[in-house]
Amino acid sequence: MRAVIGTHDLLLVTLDTLRYDVAAEALAAGRLPNLARALPGGVWERRHTPGSFTYAAHAAMLAGFLPTPVTPGPHPRLFAAAFPGSETTAEGTWCFNAADLPAGLAQAGYHTICVGGVGFFNKRTPLGSSLPDLFAESHWEPEFGVTAPDSFERQIDRAARVVESREGPVFLFVNVSALHQPNHFYLPAATADGPASQAAALAYVDRHIGRLFALMSARRPCLAIVCSDHGTAYGEDGHVGHRIGHEVVWTVPYGEFMLGKGTWR
């Protein structure tokens, strides 16, 4: 990461509430051609989230604590705030002297941008502003939210408008709301959310994510991280929702990869 910071744009995409099993099955079924092209080996990495709901997971990730590999560690981190005694800060880790990743990247010359999706990014309340306020600029509109069937397209439209106006390195964070409940409207005739409708929502996201990859690799190479912040339960062991310690909540899909300049069209 020390060789990447300053020379590459950075993209962090959180597919809010996406379960690992749903993501893996959709990929294996050939429903995610753009993500299959981008992900190393064409597969998701299975990881554990640092938080069981959106706020907790993003507060951790935006401090440098990305989802952790499920295999025994310690696992060196890509980014780390200066913190005495950290066992996951290694030789290749990029360290920053700030409380959060956007602030650290700003110190390194990056323009930091948040394009929000779910309610924790809507800037309508102090809580809904706390995560967006970490960035130099943040954007949220109702058409980016969970009830808009074309939310991801509108988020990319806004990201393009902002990124294309910048010359220096950019850190773009996009919280994708389409996977979050309600998602039944992505599956014709469905009246309730479930794994099948979440898979349909993910297929919708895949149809458009190539445009985001092309945007972020047009000016310079880009390091991209695409992952879920947490999963959700659809009736497993009687549970519905998240903010609980269930396997379907803690296990998330993760991918990190380089986008070469001008290679994604």
C-alpha atoms as a PDB file:
ATOM      1  CA  MET A   1       0.000   0.000   0.000  1.00  0.00           C
ATOM      2  CA  ARG A   2       2.930   2.371   0.515  1.00  0.00           C
ATOM      3  CA  ALA A   3       3.570   2.212  -3.241  1.00  0.00           C
ATOM      4  CA  VAL A   4      -0.116   2.678  -4.041  1.00  0.00           C
ATOM      5  CA  ILE A   5      -0.935   5.752  -1.960  1.00  0.00           C
ATOM      6  CA  GLY A   6      -0.371   8.882  -4.013  1.00  0.00           C
ATOM      7  CA  THR A   7      -0.122   7.090  -7.364  1.00  0.00           C
ATOM      8  CA  HIS A   8      -3.549   5.425  -7.513  1.00  0.00           C
ATOM      9  CA  ASP A   9      -7.117   6.511  -7.023  1.00  0.00           C
ATOM     10  CA  LEU A  10      -8.957   4.536  -4.334  1.00  0.00           C
ATOM     11  CA  LEU A  11     -12.474   3.116  -4.488  1.00  0.00           C
ATOM     12  CA  LEU A  12     -14.347   1.550  -1.576  1.00  0.00           C
ATOM     13  CA  VAL A  13     -17.779   0.111  -2.384  1.00  0.00           C
ATOM     14  CA  THR A  14     -19.882  -1.359   0.405  1.00  0.00           C
ATOM     15  CA  LEU A  15     -22.755  -3.535  -0.784  1.00  0.00           C
ATOM     16  CA  ASP A  16     -24.900  -2.823   2.233  1.00  0.00           C
ATOM     17  CA  THR A  17     -26.413  -5.919   3.940  1.00  0.00           C
ATOM     18  CA  LEU A  18     -25.221  -8.401   1.287  1.00  0.00           C
ATOM     19  CA  ARG A  19     -24.857 -11.947   2.624  1.00  0.00           C
ATOM     20  CA  TYR A  20     -21.856 -14.056   1.661  1.00  0.00           C
ATOM     21  CA  ASP A  21     -23.940 -17.075   0.642  1.00  0.00           C
ATOM     22  CA  VAL A  22     -26.153 -14.975  -1.631  1.00  0.00           C
ATOM     23  CA  ALA A  23     -23.117 -13.314  -3.247  1.00  0.00           C
ATOM     24  CA  ALA A  24     -21.238 -16.595  -3.738  1.00  0.00           C
ATOM     25  CA  GLU A  25     -24.208 -18.425  -5.228  1.00  0.00           C
ATOM     26  CA  ALA A  26     -25.008 -15.584  -7.625  1.00  0.00           C
ATOM     27  CA  LEU A  27     -21.400 -15.466  -8.790  1.00  0.00           C
ATOM     28  CA  ALA A  28     -21.220 -19.246  -9.272  1.00  0.00           C
ATOM     29  CA  ALA A  29     -24.464 -19.158 -11.263  1.00  0.00           C
ATOM     30  CA  GLY A  30     -22.988 -16.680 -13.755  1.00  0.00           C
ATOM     31  CA  ARG A  31     -25.277 -13.833 -12.721  1.00  0.00           C
ATOM     32  CA  LEU A  32     -22.456 -11.367 -11.964  1.00  0.00           C
ATOM     33  CA  PRO A  33     -20.289 -11.107 -15.094  1.00  0.00           C
ATOM     34  CA  ASN A  34     -18.761  -7.728 -14.256  1.00  0.00           C
ATOM     35  CA  LEU A  35     -17.799  -8.710 -10.728  1.00  0.00           C
ATOM     36  CA  ALA A  36     -16.539 -12.087 -11.991  1.00  0.00           C
ATOM     37  CA  ARG A  37     -14.220 -10.196 -14.344  1.00  0.00           C
ATOM     38  CA  ALA A  38     -12.916  -7.936 -11.588  1.00  0.00           C
ATOM     39  CA  LEU A  39     -12.585 -10.244  -8.577  1.00  0.00           C
ATOM     40  CA  PRO A  40      -9.264 -12.117  -8.223  1.00  0.00           C
ATOM     41  CA  GLY A  41      -9.785 -15.605  -9.593  1.00  0.00           C
ATOM     42  CA  GLY A  42     -13.382 -14.665 -10.304  1.00  0.00           C
ATOM     43  CA  VAL A  43     -14.481 -15.494  -6.752  1.00  0.00           C
ATOM     44  CA  TRP A  44     -15.434 -13.695  -3.568  1.00  0.00           C
ATOM     45  CA  GLU A  45     -13.194 -13.961  -0.542  1.00  0.00           C
ATOM     46  CA  ARG A  46     -15.040 -15.087   2.585  1.00  0.00           C
ATOM     47  CA  ARG A  47     -14.439 -12.668   5.467  1.00  0.00           C
ATOM     48  CA  HIS A  48     -15.862 -11.608   8.822  1.00  0.00           C
ATOM     49  CA  THR A  49     -17.289  -8.133   9.279  1.00  0.00           C
ATOM     50  CA  PRO A  50     -16.027  -5.836  12.061  1.00  0.00           C
ATOM     51  CA  GLY A  51     -19.639  -4.906  12.935  1.00  0.00           C
ATOM     52  CA  SER A  52     -23.088  -6.471  12.748  1.00  0.00           C
ATOM     53  CA  PHE A  53     -24.900  -3.392  11.415  1.00  0.00           C
ATOM     54  CA  THR A  54     -24.157  -0.469   9.129  1.00  0.00           C
ATOM     55  CA  TYR A  55     -22.947   2.153  11.584  1.00  0.00           C
ATOM     56  CA  ALA A  56     -20.629  -0.119  13.560  1.00  0.00           C
ATOM     57  CA  ALA A  57     -19.169  -1.795  10.486  1.00  0.00           C
ATOM     58  CA  HIS A  58     -18.510   1.459   8.637  1.00  0.00           C
ATOM     59  CA  ALA A  59     -17.048   3.217  11.658  1.00  0.00           C
ATOM     60  CA  ALA A  60     -14.517   0.383  11.858  1.00  0.00           C
ATOM     61  CA  MET A  61     -13.819   0.174   8.123  1.00  0.00           C
ATOM     62  CA  LEU A  62     -13.344   3.920   7.812  1.00  0.00           C
ATOM     63  CA  ALA A  63     -10.741   3.656  10.578  1.00  0.00           C
ATOM     64  CA  GLY A  64      -8.840   1.040   8.564  1.00  0.00           C
ATOM     65  CA  PHE A  65     -10.393  -2.153   9.954  1.00  0.00           C
ATOM     66  CA  LEU A  66     -11.696  -3.849   6.814  1.00  0.00           C
ATOM     67  CA  PRO A  67     -13.461  -7.231   7.021  1.00  0.00           C
ATOM     68  CA  THR A  68     -11.059  -9.895   8.331  1.00  0.00           C
ATOM     69  CA  PRO A  69     -10.184 -13.162   6.516  1.00  0.00           C
ATOM     70  CA  VAL A  70     -11.890 -16.140   8.137  1.00  0.00           C
ATOM     71  CA  THR A  71      -8.648 -18.110   8.386  1.00  0.00           C
ATOM     72  CA  PRO A  72      -6.532 -17.802  11.577  1.00  0.00           C
ATOM     73  CA  GLY A  73      -4.436 -14.622  11.700  1.00  0.00           C
ATOM     74  CA  PRO A  74      -3.003 -12.202  12.395  1.00  0.00           C
ATOM     75  CA  HIS A  75      -3.804 -10.662   9.008  1.00  0.00           C
ATOM     76  CA  PRO A  76      -1.834  -7.533   7.982  1.00  0.00           C
ATOM     77  CA  ARG A  77      -4.071  -4.601   7.121  1.00  0.00           C
ATOM     78  CA  LEU A  78      -3.915  -2.393   4.039  1.00  0.00           C
ATOM     79  CA  PHE A  79      -4.403   0.801   6.032  1.00  0.00           C
ATOM     80  CA  ALA A  80      -3.821   1.500   9.701  1.00  0.00           C
ATOM     81  CA  ALA A  81      -4.031   4.526  11.950  1.00  0.00           C
ATOM     82  CA  ALA A  82      -0.988   5.087  14.135  1.00  0.00           C
ATOM     83  CA  PHE A  83      -1.721   2.911  17.156  1.00  0.00           C
ATOM     84  CA  PRO A  84       0.904   1.524  19.571  1.00  0.00           C
ATOM     85  CA  GLY A  85       0.933  -2.247  19.853  1.00  0.00           C
ATOM     86  CA  SER A  86      -1.106  -2.993  16.702  1.00  0.00           C
ATOM     87  CA  GLU A  87      -0.473  -6.609  15.688  1.00  0.00           C
ATOM     88  CA  THR A  88      -1.955  -6.167  12.220  1.00  0.00           C
ATOM     89  CA  THR A  89       0.245  -3.265  11.097  1.00  0.00           C
ATOM     90  CA  ALA A  90       2.938  -4.802   8.874  1.00  0.00           C
ATOM     91  CA  GLU A  91       5.727  -3.645   6.596  1.00  0.00           C
ATOM     92  CA  GLY A  92       3.403  -3.143   3.647  1.00  0.00           C
ATOM     93  CA  THR A  93       0.660  -1.390   5.623  1.00  0.00           C
ATOM     94  CA  TRP A  94       0.121   2.281   4.831  1.00  0.00           C
ATOM     95  CA  CYS A  95      -0.030   4.094   8.181  1.00  0.00           C
ATOM     96  CA  PHE A  96      -1.670   7.451   8.771  1.00  0.00           C
ATOM     97  CA  ASN A  97      -1.586   9.815  11.718  1.00  0.00           C
ATOM     98  CA  ALA A  98      -5.293  10.571  11.955  1.00  0.00           C
ATOM     99  CA  ALA A  99      -8.375   9.104  13.619  1.00  0.00           C
ATOM    100  CA  ASP A 100      -9.945   7.888  10.379  1.00  0.00           C
ATOM    101  CA  LEU A 101      -8.979   6.839   6.873  1.00  0.00           C
ATOM    102  CA  PRO A 102     -10.528   9.790   4.988  1.00  0.00           C
ATOM    103  CA  ALA A 103      -8.601  12.245   7.171  1.00  0.00           C
ATOM    104  CA  GLY A 104      -5.390  10.292   6.693  1.00  0.00           C
ATOM    105  CA  LEU A 105      -5.847  10.210   2.929  1.00  0.00           C
ATOM    106  CA  ALA A 106      -6.625  13.929   2.897  1.00  0.00           C
ATOM    107  CA  GLN A 107      -3.257  14.512   4.575  1.00  0.00           C
ATOM    108  CA  ALA A 108      -1.698  12.506   1.730  1.00  0.00           C
ATOM    109  CA  GLY A 109      -3.270  14.778  -0.893  1.00  0.00           C
ATOM    110  CA  TYR A 110      -6.475  12.889  -1.682  1.00  0.00           C
ATOM    111  CA  HIS A 111      -9.852  14.491  -2.231  1.00  0.00           C
ATOM    112  CA  THR A 112     -12.302  12.332  -0.267  1.00  0.00           C
ATOM    113  CA  ILE A 113     -15.862  11.797  -1.502  1.00  0.00           C
ATOM    114  CA  CYS A 114     -18.809   9.948   0.033  1.00  0.00           C
ATOM    115  CA  VAL A 115     -21.859   8.945  -2.005  1.00  0.00           C
ATOM    116  CA  GLY A 116     -24.263   7.602   0.592  1.00  0.00           C
ATOM    117  CA  GLY A 117     -27.088   5.124   0.324  1.00  0.00           C
ATOM    118  CA  VAL A 118     -28.783   3.858   3.491  1.00  0.00           C
ATOM    119  CA  GLY A 119     -30.081   6.021   6.330  1.00  0.00           C
ATOM    120  CA  PHE A 120     -26.778   6.296   8.202  1.00  0.00           C
ATOM    121  CA  PHE A 121     -25.561   8.447   5.287  1.00  0.00           C
ATOM    122  CA  ASN A 122     -28.649  10.590   4.658  1.00  0.00           C
ATOM    123  CA  LYS A 123     -27.372  13.678   6.557  1.00  0.00           C
ATOM    124  CA  ARG A 124     -30.882  14.354   7.846  1.00  0.00           C
ATOM    125  CA  THR A 125     -29.896  13.919  11.510  1.00  0.00           C
ATOM    126  CA  PRO A 126     -26.704  14.310  13.543  1.00  0.00           C
ATOM    127  CA  LEU A 127     -26.275  10.517  13.486  1.00  0.00           C
ATOM    128  CA  GLY A 128     -26.948  10.398   9.755  1.00  0.00           C
ATOM    129  CA  SER A 129     -24.227  13.017   9.302  1.00  0.00           C
ATOM    130  CA  SER A 130     -21.471  11.539  11.461  1.00  0.00           C
ATOM    131  CA  LEU A 131     -20.053   9.166   8.824  1.00  0.00           C
ATOM    132  CA  PRO A 132     -20.504  11.486   5.808  1.00  0.00           C
ATOM    133  CA  ASP A 133     -18.815  14.295   7.765  1.00  0.00           C
ATOM    134  CA  LEU A 134     -15.565  12.306   7.715  1.00  0.00           C
ATOM    135  CA  PHE A 135     -15.232  13.203   4.019  1.00  0.00           C
ATOM    136  CA  ALA A 136     -14.308  16.462   2.295  1.00  0.00           C
ATOM    137  CA  GLU A 137     -17.593  16.246   0.422  1.00  0.00           C
ATOM    138  CA  SER A 138     -20.586  13.984   0.790  1.00  0.00           C
ATOM    139  CA  HIS A 139     -23.715  13.406  -1.247  1.00  0.00           C
ATOM    140  CA  TRP A 140     -27.101  11.894  -0.509  1.00  0.00           C
ATOM    141  CA  GLU A 141     -30.484  12.246  -2.163  1.00  0.00           C
ATOM    142  CA  PRO A 142     -33.727  10.273  -1.684  1.00  0.00           C
ATOM    143  CA  GLU A 143     -33.122   8.637  -5.072  1.00  0.00           C
ATOM    144  CA  PHE A 144     -29.936   7.079  -3.619  1.00  0.00           C
ATOM    145  CA  GLY A 145     -31.903   5.385  -0.833  1.00  0.00           C
ATOM    146  CA  VAL A 146     -33.320   1.961  -0.140  1.00  0.00           C
ATOM    147  CA  THR A 147     -36.759   2.531  -1.700  1.00  0.00           C
ATOM    148  CA  ALA A 148     -35.486   3.645  -5.125  1.00  0.00           C
ATOM    149  CA  PRO A 149     -35.234   0.743  -7.618  1.00  0.00           C
ATOM    150  CA  ASP A 150     -32.641   2.639  -9.719  1.00  0.00           C
ATOM    151  CA  SER A 151     -30.616   3.890  -6.736  1.00  0.00           C
ATOM    152  CA  PHE A 152     -27.235   2.561  -7.877  1.00  0.00           C
ATOM    153  CA  GLU A 153     -27.520   4.175 -11.293  1.00  0.00           C
ATOM    154  CA  ARG A 154     -28.262   7.514  -9.673  1.00  0.00           C
ATOM    155  CA  GLN A 155     -25.327   7.085  -7.263  1.00  0.00           C
ATOM    156  CA  ILE A 156     -22.967   6.465 -10.173  1.00  0.00           C
ATOM    157  CA  ASP A 157     -24.341   9.526 -11.986  1.00  0.00           C
ATOM    158  CA  ARG A 158     -23.431  11.674  -8.983  1.00  0.00           C
ATOM    159  CA  ALA A 159     -20.025  10.040  -8.544  1.00  0.00           C
ATOM    160  CA  ALA A 160     -19.202  10.705 -12.195  1.00  0.00           C
ATOM    161  CA  ARG A 161     -20.144  14.358 -11.902  1.00  0.00           C
ATOM    162  CA  VAL A 162     -17.879  14.800  -8.887  1.00  0.00           C
ATOM    163  CA  VAL A 163     -14.886  12.645  -9.862  1.00  0.00           C
ATOM    164  CA  GLU A 164     -14.633  13.975 -13.406  1.00  0.00           C
ATOM    165  CA  SER A 165     -14.243  17.506 -12.033  1.00  0.00           C
ATOM    166  CA  ARG A 166     -11.111  16.581 -10.045  1.00  0.00           C
ATOM    167  CA  GLU A 167      -7.510  16.424 -11.239  1.00  0.00           C
ATOM    168  CA  GLY A 168      -5.650  15.088  -8.204  1.00  0.00           C
ATOM    169  CA  PRO A 169      -6.006  11.660  -6.554  1.00  0.00           C
ATOM    170  CA  VAL A 170      -9.452  10.738  -5.287  1.00  0.00           C
ATOM    171  CA  PHE A 171     -10.794   8.435  -2.597  1.00  0.00           C
ATOM    172  CA  LEU A 172     -14.381   7.588  -3.549  1.00  0.00           C
ATOM    173  CA  PHE A 173     -16.597   5.736  -1.109  1.00  0.00           C
ATOM    174  CA  VAL A 174     -19.999   4.458  -2.304  1.00  0.00           C
ATOM    175  CA  ASN A 175     -22.491   2.849   0.070  1.00  0.00           C
ATOM    176  CA  VAL A 176     -24.807   0.820  -2.189  1.00  0.00           C
ATOM    177  CA  SER A 177     -28.330   0.687  -0.781  1.00  0.00           C
ATOM    178  CA  ALA A 178     -29.917  -1.664  -3.346  1.00  0.00           C
ATOM    179  CA  LEU A 179     -29.181  -4.866  -1.377  1.00  0.00           C
ATOM    180  CA  HIS A 180     -30.737  -3.528   1.842  1.00  0.00           C
ATOM    181  CA  GLN A 181     -34.365  -4.158   2.616  1.00  0.00           C
ATOM    182  CA  PRO A 182     -36.723  -3.583   0.879  1.00  0.00           C
ATOM    183  CA  ASN A 183     -35.306  -5.413  -2.135  1.00  0.00           C
ATOM    184  CA  HIS A 184     -38.306  -7.512  -3.207  1.00  0.00           C
ATOM    185  CA  PHE A 185     -39.053  -5.152  -6.095  1.00  0.00           C
ATOM    186  CA  TYR A 186     -36.001  -6.495  -7.965  1.00  0.00           C
ATOM    187  CA  LEU A 187     -37.737  -9.870  -8.255  1.00  0.00           C
ATOM    188  CA  PRO A 188     -40.964  -9.844 -10.293  1.00  0.00           C
ATOM    189  CA  ALA A 189     -44.011 -11.074  -8.373  1.00  0.00           C
ATOM    190  CA  ALA A 190     -42.145 -11.166  -5.037  1.00  0.00           C
ATOM    191  CA  THR A 191     -44.037  -9.645  -2.111  1.00  0.00           C
ATOM    192  CA  ALA A 192     -41.380 -10.090   0.578  1.00  0.00           C
ATOM    193  CA  ASP A 193     -37.604  -9.893   0.849  1.00  0.00           C
ATOM    194  CA  GLY A 194     -35.460 -13.020   0.912  1.00  0.00           C
ATOM    195  CA  PRO A 195     -32.220 -14.466  -0.440  1.00  0.00           C
ATOM    196  CA  ALA A 196     -33.678 -14.688  -3.955  1.00  0.00           C
ATOM    197  CA  SER A 197     -34.682 -11.024  -4.070  1.00  0.00           C
ATOM    198  CA  GLN A 198     -31.320  -9.970  -2.628  1.00  0.00           C
ATOM    199  CA  ALA A 199     -29.615 -11.981  -5.378  1.00  0.00           C
ATOM    200  CA  ALA A 200     -31.769 -10.167  -7.933  1.00  0.00           C
ATOM    201  CA  ALA A 201     -30.732  -6.843  -6.404  1.00  0.00           C
ATOM    202  CA  LEU A 202     -27.081  -7.883  -6.661  1.00  0.00           C
ATOM    203  CA  ALA A 203     -27.555  -8.787 -10.329  1.00  0.00           C
ATOM    204  CA  TYR A 204     -28.955  -5.278 -10.842  1.00  0.00           C
ATOM    205  CA  VAL A 205     -25.858  -3.790  -9.189  1.00  0.00           C
ATOM    206  CA  ASP A 206     -23.567  -5.916 -11.354  1.00  0.00           C
ATOM    207  CA  ARG A 207     -25.216  -4.634 -14.523  1.00  0.00           C
ATOM    208  CA  HIS A 208     -24.037  -1.117 -13.674  1.00  0.00           C
ATOM    209  CA  ILE A 209     -20.867  -1.515 -11.617  1.00  0.00           C
ATOM    210  CA  GLY A 210     -18.687  -1.677 -14.720  1.00  0.00           C
ATOM    211  CA  ARG A 211     -19.482   1.996 -15.323  1.00  0.00           C
ATOM    212  CA  LEU A 212     -18.165   2.802 -11.845  1.00  0.00           C
ATOM    213  CA  PHE A 213     -14.972   0.807 -12.483  1.00  0.00           C
ATOM    214  CA  ALA A 214     -14.464   2.615 -15.804  1.00  0.00           C
ATOM    215  CA  LEU A 215     -14.978   5.982 -14.128  1.00  0.00           C
ATOM    216  CA  MET A 216     -12.412   5.285 -11.419  1.00  0.00           C
ATOM    217  CA  SER A 217      -9.752   3.928 -13.773  1.00  0.00           C
ATOM    218  CA  ALA A 218     -10.067   6.593 -16.478  1.00  0.00           C
ATOM    219  CA  ARG A 219      -7.480   9.025 -15.054  1.00  0.00           C
ATOM    220  CA  ARG A 220      -4.983   6.764 -13.261  1.00  0.00           C
ATOM    221  CA  PRO A 221      -4.793   3.218 -11.887  1.00  0.00           C
ATOM    222  CA  CYS A 222      -7.231   2.504  -9.073  1.00  0.00           C
ATOM    223  CA  LEU A 223      -7.220   0.169  -6.105  1.00  0.00           C
ATOM    224  CA  ALA A 224     -10.791  -1.050  -5.649  1.00  0.00           C
ATOM    225  CA  ILE A 225     -12.305  -2.754  -2.621  1.00  0.00           C
ATOM    226  CA  VAL A 226     -15.815  -4.170  -2.980  1.00  0.00           C
ATOM    227  CA  CYS A 227     -17.362  -5.845   0.042  1.00  0.00           C
ATOM    228  CA  SER A 228     -20.395  -6.094   2.267  1.00  0.00           C
ATOM    229  CA  ASP A 229     -20.572  -4.353   5.617  1.00  0.00           C
ATOM    230  CA  HIS A 230     -22.672  -7.142   7.173  1.00  0.00           C
ATOM    231  CA  GLY A 231     -25.241  -9.748   6.210  1.00  0.00           C
ATOM    232  CA  THR A 232     -28.832 -10.178   7.306  1.00  0.00           C
ATOM    233  CA  ALA A 233     -31.125 -12.978   8.429  1.00  0.00           C
ATOM    234  CA  TYR A 234     -34.205 -14.055   6.499  1.00  0.00           C
ATOM    235  CA  GLY A 235     -35.672 -16.394   9.104  1.00  0.00           C
ATOM    236  CA  GLU A 236     -32.621 -18.519   9.967  1.00  0.00           C
ATOM    237  CA  ASP A 237     -33.061 -19.888  13.508  1.00  0.00           C
ATOM    238  CA  GLY A 238     -36.042 -17.559  13.850  1.00  0.00           C
ATOM    239  CA  HIS A 239     -33.996 -14.391  13.215  1.00  0.00           C
ATOM    240  CA  VAL A 240     -34.929 -11.627  10.813  1.00  0.00           C
ATOM    241  CA  GLY A 241     -32.628  -8.660  10.194  1.00  0.00           C
ATOM    242  CA  HIS A 242     -29.161  -7.905  11.558  1.00  0.00           C
ATOM    243  CA  ARG A 243     -27.389  -6.374  14.586  1.00  0.00           C
ATOM    244  CA  ILE A 244     -27.238  -9.934  15.918  1.00  0.00           C
ATOM    245  CA  GLY A 245     -24.403 -12.455  16.275  1.00  0.00           C
ATOM    246  CA  HIS A 246     -25.529 -14.936  13.614  1.00  0.00           C
ATOM    247  CA  GLU A 247     -23.321 -16.553  10.972  1.00  0.00           C
ATOM    248  CA  VAL A 248     -25.335 -15.064   8.107  1.00  0.00           C
ATOM    249  CA  VAL A 249     -24.724 -11.597   9.563  1.00  0.00           C
ATOM    250  CA  TRP A 250     -21.010 -11.929  10.418  1.00  0.00           C
ATOM    251  CA  THR A 251     -19.867 -13.600   7.183  1.00  0.00           C
ATOM    252  CA  VAL A 252     -19.481 -11.245   4.223  1.00  0.00           C
ATOM    253  CA  PRO A 253     -18.129 -11.272   0.648  1.00  0.00           C
ATOM    254  CA  TYR A 254     -14.942  -9.311  -0.018  1.00  0.00           C
ATOM    255  CA  GLY A 255     -12.771  -8.474  -3.014  1.00  0.00           C
ATOM    256  CA  GLU A 256      -9.797  -6.170  -3.570  1.00  0.00           C
ATOM    257  CA  PHE A 257      -8.191  -5.670  -6.976  1.00  0.00           C
ATOM    258  CA  MET A 258      -6.354  -3.214  -9.188  1.00  0.00           C
ATOM    259  CA  LEU A 259      -8.044  -1.459 -12.079  1.00  0.00           C
ATOM    260  CA  GLY A 260      -5.412  -0.525 -14.649  1.00  0.00           C
ATOM    261  CA  LYS A 261      -5.679   2.893 -16.213  1.00  0.00           C
ATOM    262  CA  GLY A 262      -8.092   2.779 -19.147  1.00  0.00           C
ATOM    263  CA  THR A 263      -8.450  -1.003 -19.012  1.00  0.00           C
ATOM    264  CA  TRP A 264     -12.113  -1.088 -17.947  1.00  0.00           C
ATOM    265  CA  ARG A 265     -14.507  -0.191 -20.720  1.00  0.00           C
END
